Amino acid sequence: MSQIHIASQTKVRQHAHQGARAAAMAAAMIVALFGGVFVYGIGFAGAEVVHNAAHDVRHANNFPCH
């Protein structure tokens, strides 16, 4: 194998690794953003709002709650 071929294979692998790392970072940022919105949205919502939302979900899934 020539050194040019080996060097080009190495560059392709490095590029693929960087692309995978960028995709993983993007996914992690989206999950962190969603988690933050979820935690703060529920954390600052009033007890009545959270109760009504849970109550509606139970009814939507035909789960008895009364």
Protein backbone atom coordinates (compact mmCIF):
# COMPACT_ATOMS: atom_id res chain seq x y z
CA MET A 1 0.00 0.00 0.00
CA SER A 2 1.30 3.41 -0.81
CA GLN A 3 1.67 6.10 1.79
CA ILE A 4 -0.73 8.35 -0.17
CA HIS A 5 -3.47 5.72 0.08
CA ILE A 6 -2.86 5.25 3.82
CA ALA A 7 -2.89 9.01 4.39
CA SER A 8 -6.16 9.42 2.51
CA GLN A 9 -7.77 6.61 4.53
CA THR A 10 -6.62 8.27 7.75
CA LYS A 11 -8.14 11.59 6.69
CA VAL A 12 -11.44 9.90 5.83
CA ARG A 13 -11.56 8.23 9.24
CA GLN A 14 -10.74 11.49 11.02
CA HIS A 15 -13.46 13.30 9.07
CA ALA A 16 -16.01 10.59 9.89
CA HIS A 17 -15.03 10.72 13.56
CA GLN A 18 -15.44 14.51 13.64
CA GLY A 19 -18.86 14.21 11.99
CA ALA A 20 -19.98 11.63 14.53
CA ARG A 21 -18.73 13.79 17.38
CA ALA A 22 -20.57 16.83 16.01
CA ALA A 23 -23.79 14.82 15.66
CA ALA A 24 -23.44 13.53 19.23
CA MET A 25 -22.87 17.06 20.54
CA ALA A 26 -25.91 18.36 18.64
CA ALA A 27 -28.07 15.58 20.08
CA ALA A 28 -26.76 16.27 23.59
CA MET A 29 -27.53 19.98 23.27
CA ILE A 30 -31.08 19.28 22.07
CA VAL A 31 -31.68 16.86 24.95
CA ALA A 32 -30.25 19.35 27.46
CA LEU A 33 -32.44 22.13 26.10
CA PHE A 34 -35.54 19.93 26.21
CA GLY A 35 -34.69 18.78 29.73
CA GLY A 36 -34.21 22.35 30.93
CA VAL A 37 -37.52 23.46 29.47
CA PHE A 38 -39.21 20.40 30.93
CA VAL A 39 -37.78 20.88 34.44
CA TYR A 40 -38.38 24.62 34.61
CA GLY A 41 -41.79 24.38 32.94
CA ILE A 42 -43.01 21.93 35.53
CA GLY A 43 -41.04 23.44 38.39
CA PHE A 44 -42.58 26.89 37.98
CA ALA A 45 -46.07 25.74 37.06
CA GLY A 46 -48.70 25.99 39.75
CA ALA A 47 -49.85 22.84 41.51
CA GLU A 48 -53.30 23.13 39.94
CA VAL A 49 -51.87 23.30 36.42
CA VAL A 50 -49.72 20.20 36.95
CA HIS A 51 -52.62 18.32 38.56
CA ASN A 52 -54.99 19.17 35.71
CA ALA A 53 -52.44 18.11 33.10
CA ALA A 54 -51.86 14.77 34.84
CA HIS A 55 -55.61 14.33 35.26
CA ASP A 56 -56.22 14.94 31.55
CA VAL A 57 -53.50 12.46 30.58
CA ARG A 58 -55.05 9.80 32.79
CA HIS A 59 -58.45 10.34 31.16
CA ALA A 60 -56.90 10.31 27.66
CA ASN A 61 -55.37 6.90 28.39
CA ASN A 62 -58.65 5.50 29.82
CA PHE A 63 -57.07 5.12 33.26
CA PRO A 64 -59.61 5.48 36.08
CA CYS A 65 -58.81 8.22 38.53
CA HIS A 66 -62.08 8.87 40.37
